[in-house]
Amino acid sequence: MGIESPKDDYKVEPPEVFIDKKGFDPSDPVGYLNSFAIRANAPTRFFMS
């Protein structure tokens, strides 16, 4: 087709392009997810009085 493709498989985007202002490195998606305070696997405590 004559279309050149990028040499890199991915690129690291700067934090300014994301709504949460957190940088995203595609080689470490788990680190990105763990950087949030709210996570699905975070311990949850309910207090009933």
PDB file of N, CA and C in Angstrom:
ATOM      1  N   MET A   1       0.814  -1.186   0.000  1.00  0.00           N
ATOM      2  CA  MET A   1       0.000   0.000   0.000  1.00  0.00           C
ATOM      3  C   MET A   1       0.865   1.259   0.000  1.00  0.00           C
ATOM      4  N   GLY A   2       2.148   1.130   0.297  1.00  0.00           N
ATOM      5  CA  GLY A   2       3.017   2.293   0.293  1.00  0.00           C
ATOM      6  C   GLY A   2       2.894   3.175   1.525  1.00  0.00           C
ATOM      7  N   ILE A   3       2.303   2.661   2.593  1.00  0.00           N
ATOM      8  CA  ILE A   3       2.128   3.429   3.822  1.00  0.00           C
ATOM      9  C   ILE A   3       3.205   3.002   4.814  1.00  0.00           C
ATOM     10  N   GLU A   4       3.977   3.968   5.303  1.00  0.00           N
ATOM     11  CA  GLU A   4       5.000   3.645   6.285  1.00  0.00           C
ATOM     12  C   GLU A   4       4.380   3.578   7.676  1.00  0.00           C
ATOM     13  N   SER A   5       4.825   2.598   8.458  1.00  0.00           N
ATOM     14  CA  SER A   5       4.333   2.465   9.825  1.00  0.00           C
ATOM     15  C   SER A   5       5.403   2.960  10.796  1.00  0.00           C
ATOM     16  N   PRO A   6       4.993   3.354  12.003  1.00  0.00           N
ATOM     17  CA  PRO A   6       5.960   3.822  12.999  1.00  0.00           C
ATOM     18  C   PRO A   6       6.938   2.705  13.378  1.00  0.00           C
ATOM     19  N   LYS A   7       8.152   3.091  13.723  1.00  0.00           N
ATOM     20  CA  LYS A   7       9.161   2.117  14.128  1.00  0.00           C
ATOM     21  C   LYS A   7       8.900   1.606  15.540  1.00  0.00           C
ATOM     22  N   ASP A   8       8.344   2.457  16.404  1.00  0.00           N
ATOM     23  CA  ASP A   8       8.067   2.073  17.784  1.00  0.00           C
ATOM     24  C   ASP A   8       6.707   1.400  17.884  1.00  0.00           C
ATOM     25  N   ASP A   9       6.608   0.410  18.790  1.00  0.00           N
ATOM     26  CA  ASP A   9       5.332  -0.256  19.029  1.00  0.00           C
ATOM     27  C   ASP A   9       4.394   0.607  19.862  1.00  0.00           C
ATOM     28  N   TYR A  10       4.962   1.457  20.717  1.00  0.00           N
ATOM     29  CA  TYR A  10       4.165   2.321  21.569  1.00  0.00           C
ATOM     30  C   TYR A  10       4.988   3.543  21.932  1.00  0.00           C
ATOM     31  N   LYS A  11       4.343   4.518  22.546  1.00  0.00           N
ATOM     32  CA  LYS A  11       5.063   5.679  23.034  1.00  0.00           C
ATOM     33  C   LYS A  11       4.529   6.053  24.405  1.00  0.00           C
ATOM     34  N   VAL A  12       5.365   6.676  25.201  1.00  0.00           N
ATOM     35  CA  VAL A  12       4.977   7.126  26.527  1.00  0.00           C
ATOM     36  C   VAL A  12       4.438   8.541  26.394  1.00  0.00           C
ATOM     37  N   GLU A  13       3.203   8.725  26.840  1.00  0.00           N
ATOM     38  CA  GLU A  13       2.553  10.028  26.745  1.00  0.00           C
ATOM     39  C   GLU A  13       2.853  10.844  28.002  1.00  0.00           C
ATOM     40  N   PRO A  14       3.016  12.156  27.867  1.00  0.00           N
ATOM     41  CA  PRO A  14       3.251  13.002  29.043  1.00  0.00           C
ATOM     42  C   PRO A  14       1.972  13.138  29.872  1.00  0.00           C
ATOM     43  N   PRO A  15       2.105  13.403  31.177  1.00  0.00           N
ATOM     44  CA  PRO A  15       0.920  13.508  32.052  1.00  0.00           C
ATOM     45  C   PRO A  15      -0.079  14.566  31.616  1.00  0.00           C
ATOM     46  N   GLU A  16       0.372  15.602  30.927  1.00  0.00           N
ATOM     47  CA  GLU A  16      -0.520  16.699  30.560  1.00  0.00           C
ATOM     48  C   GLU A  16      -1.626  16.290  29.591  1.00  0.00           C
ATOM     49  N   VAL A  17      -1.474  15.191  28.888  1.00  0.00           N
ATOM     50  CA  VAL A  17      -2.492  14.808  27.900  1.00  0.00           C
ATOM     51  C   VAL A  17      -3.634  13.985  28.499  1.00  0.00           C
ATOM     52  N   PHE A  18      -3.516  13.618  29.761  1.00  0.00           N
ATOM     53  CA  PHE A  18      -4.554  12.814  30.399  1.00  0.00           C
ATOM     54  C   PHE A  18      -5.418  13.669  31.313  1.00  0.00           C
ATOM     55  N   ILE A  19      -6.669  13.287  31.458  1.00  0.00           N
ATOM     56  CA  ILE A  19      -7.598  14.060  32.276  1.00  0.00           C
ATOM     57  C   ILE A  19      -7.184  14.040  33.742  1.00  0.00           C
ATOM     58  N   ASP A  20      -6.538  12.958  34.185  1.00  0.00           N
ATOM     59  CA  ASP A  20      -6.121  12.863  35.585  1.00  0.00           C
ATOM     60  C   ASP A  20      -4.704  13.385  35.810  1.00  0.00           C
ATOM     61  N   LYS A  21      -4.060  13.860  34.755  1.00  0.00           N
ATOM     62  CA  LYS A  21      -2.699  14.424  34.807  1.00  0.00           C
ATOM     63  C   LYS A  21      -1.669  13.420  35.316  1.00  0.00           C
ATOM     64  N   LYS A  22      -1.948  12.125  35.129  1.00  0.00           N
ATOM     65  CA  LYS A  22      -0.999  11.077  35.484  1.00  0.00           C
ATOM     66  C   LYS A  22      -0.430  10.514  34.195  1.00  0.00           C
ATOM     67  N   GLY A  23       0.874  10.384  34.157  1.00  0.00           N
ATOM     68  CA  GLY A  23       1.506   9.822  32.975  1.00  0.00           C
ATOM     69  C   GLY A  23       1.195   8.345  32.834  1.00  0.00           C
ATOM     70  N   PHE A  24       1.191   7.852  31.614  1.00  0.00           N
ATOM     71  CA  PHE A  24       0.922   6.438  31.363  1.00  0.00           C
ATOM     72  C   PHE A  24       2.065   5.851  30.567  1.00  0.00           C
ATOM     73  N   ASP A  25       2.675   4.807  31.124  1.00  0.00           N
ATOM     74  CA  ASP A  25       3.747   4.086  30.455  1.00  0.00           C
ATOM     75  C   ASP A  25       3.184   2.724  30.053  1.00  0.00           C
ATOM     76  N   PRO A  26       3.028   2.443  28.774  1.00  0.00           N
ATOM     77  CA  PRO A  26       2.421   1.179  28.345  1.00  0.00           C
ATOM     78  C   PRO A  26       3.194  -0.059  28.797  1.00  0.00           C
ATOM     79  N   SER A  27       4.454   0.094  29.172  1.00  0.00           N
ATOM     80  CA  SER A  27       5.202  -1.064  29.650  1.00  0.00           C
ATOM     81  C   SER A  27       4.899  -1.358  31.118  1.00  0.00           C
ATOM     82  N   ASP A  28       4.156  -0.466  31.812  1.00  0.00           N
ATOM     83  CA  ASP A  28       3.814  -0.672  33.221  1.00  0.00           C
ATOM     84  C   ASP A  28       2.369  -0.278  33.503  1.00  0.00           C
ATOM     85  N   PRO A  29       1.391  -0.975  32.901  1.00  0.00           N
ATOM     86  CA  PRO A  29      -0.007  -0.612  33.134  1.00  0.00           C
ATOM     87  C   PRO A  29      -0.444  -0.853  34.579  1.00  0.00           C
ATOM     88  N   VAL A  30       0.118  -1.864  35.240  1.00  0.00           N
ATOM     89  CA  VAL A  30      -0.256  -2.156  36.623  1.00  0.00           C
ATOM     90  C   VAL A  30       0.206  -1.022  37.544  1.00  0.00           C
ATOM     91  N   GLY A  31       1.389  -0.485  37.296  1.00  0.00           N
ATOM     92  CA  GLY A  31       1.861   0.644  38.086  1.00  0.00           C
ATOM     93  C   GLY A  31       0.950   1.839  37.953  1.00  0.00           C
ATOM     94  N   TYR A  32       0.444   2.077  36.749  1.00  0.00           N
ATOM     95  CA  TYR A  32      -0.502   3.171  36.524  1.00  0.00           C
ATOM     96  C   TYR A  32      -1.787   2.937  37.317  1.00  0.00           C
ATOM     97  N   LEU A  33      -2.324   1.738  37.250  1.00  0.00           N
ATOM     98  CA  LEU A  33      -3.561   1.437  37.971  1.00  0.00           C
ATOM     99  C   LEU A  33      -3.366   1.512  39.475  1.00  0.00           C
ATOM    100  N   ASN A  34      -2.212   1.060  39.960  1.00  0.00           N
ATOM    101  CA  ASN A  34      -1.944   1.110  41.399  1.00  0.00           C
ATOM    102  C   ASN A  34      -1.688   2.523  41.905  1.00  0.00           C
ATOM    103  N   SER A  35      -1.500   3.483  41.018  1.00  0.00           N
ATOM    104  CA  SER A  35      -1.249   4.853  41.446  1.00  0.00           C
ATOM    105  C   SER A  35      -2.523   5.555  41.908  1.00  0.00           C
ATOM    106  N   PHE A  36      -3.677   4.967  41.674  1.00  0.00           N
ATOM    107  CA  PHE A  36      -4.939   5.556  42.097  1.00  0.00           C
ATOM    108  C   PHE A  36      -5.271   5.133  43.527  1.00  0.00           C
ATOM    109  N   ALA A  37      -5.877   6.049  44.279  1.00  0.00           N
ATOM    110  CA  ALA A  37      -6.244   5.755  45.663  1.00  0.00           C
ATOM    111  C   ALA A  37      -7.392   4.744  45.737  1.00  0.00           C
ATOM    112  N   ILE A  38      -8.316   4.799  44.801  1.00  0.00           N
ATOM    113  CA  ILE A  38      -9.465   3.896  44.795  1.00  0.00           C
ATOM    114  C   ILE A  38      -9.167   2.747  43.834  1.00  0.00           C
ATOM    115  N   ARG A  39      -9.195   1.526  44.356  1.00  0.00           N
ATOM    116  CA  ARG A  39      -8.946   0.341  43.536  1.00  0.00           C
ATOM    117  C   ARG A  39      -9.950  -0.742  43.905  1.00  0.00           C
ATOM    118  N   ALA A  40     -10.233  -1.614  42.978  1.00  0.00           N
ATOM    119  CA  ALA A  40     -11.197  -2.694  43.213  1.00  0.00           C
ATOM    120  C   ALA A  40     -10.706  -3.657  44.284  1.00  0.00           C
ATOM    121  N   ASN A  41      -9.395  -3.856  44.387  1.00  0.00           N
ATOM    122  CA  ASN A  41      -8.886  -4.824  45.353  1.00  0.00           C
ATOM    123  C   ASN A  41      -8.448  -4.168  46.664  1.00  0.00           C
ATOM    124  N   ALA A  42      -8.748  -2.877  46.858  1.00  0.00           N
ATOM    125  CA  ALA A  42      -8.380  -2.191  48.093  1.00  0.00           C
ATOM    126  C   ALA A  42      -9.255  -2.698  49.242  1.00  0.00           C
ATOM    127  N   PRO A  43      -8.672  -2.831  50.438  1.00  0.00           N
ATOM    128  CA  PRO A  43      -9.472  -3.270  51.580  1.00  0.00           C
ATOM    129  C   PRO A  43     -10.593  -2.264  51.879  1.00  0.00           C
ATOM    130  N   THR A  44     -11.744  -2.777  52.197  1.00  0.00           N
ATOM    131  CA  THR A  44     -12.893  -1.938  52.500  1.00  0.00           C
ATOM    132  C   THR A  44     -13.388  -2.262  53.894  1.00  0.00           C
ATOM    133  N   ARG A  45     -13.640  -1.215  54.669  1.00  0.00           N
ATOM    134  CA  ARG A  45     -14.159  -1.426  56.031  1.00  0.00           C
ATOM    135  C   ARG A  45     -15.489  -0.698  56.136  1.00  0.00           C
ATOM    136  N   PHE A  46     -16.450  -1.383  56.692  1.00  0.00           N
ATOM    137  CA  PHE A  46     -17.760  -0.795  56.949  1.00  0.00           C
ATOM    138  C   PHE A  46     -17.963  -0.731  58.446  1.00  0.00           C
ATOM    139  N   PHE A  47     -18.375   0.413  58.935  1.00  0.00           N
ATOM    140  CA  PHE A  47     -18.631   0.585  60.354  1.00  0.00           C
ATOM    141  C   PHE A  47     -20.123   0.790  60.563  1.00  0.00           C
ATOM    142  N   MET A  48     -20.681  -0.055  61.387  1.00  0.00           N
ATOM    143  CA  MET A  48     -22.103   0.042  61.681  1.00  0.00           C
ATOM    144  C   MET A  48     -22.227   0.471  63.149  1.00  0.00           C
ATOM    145  N   SER A  49     -23.064   1.465  63.401  1.00  0.00           N
ATOM    146  CA  SER A  49     -23.225   1.888  64.801  1.00  0.00           C
ATOM    147  C   SER A  49     -24.656   1.793  65.232  1.00  0.00           C
TER     148      SER A  49
END
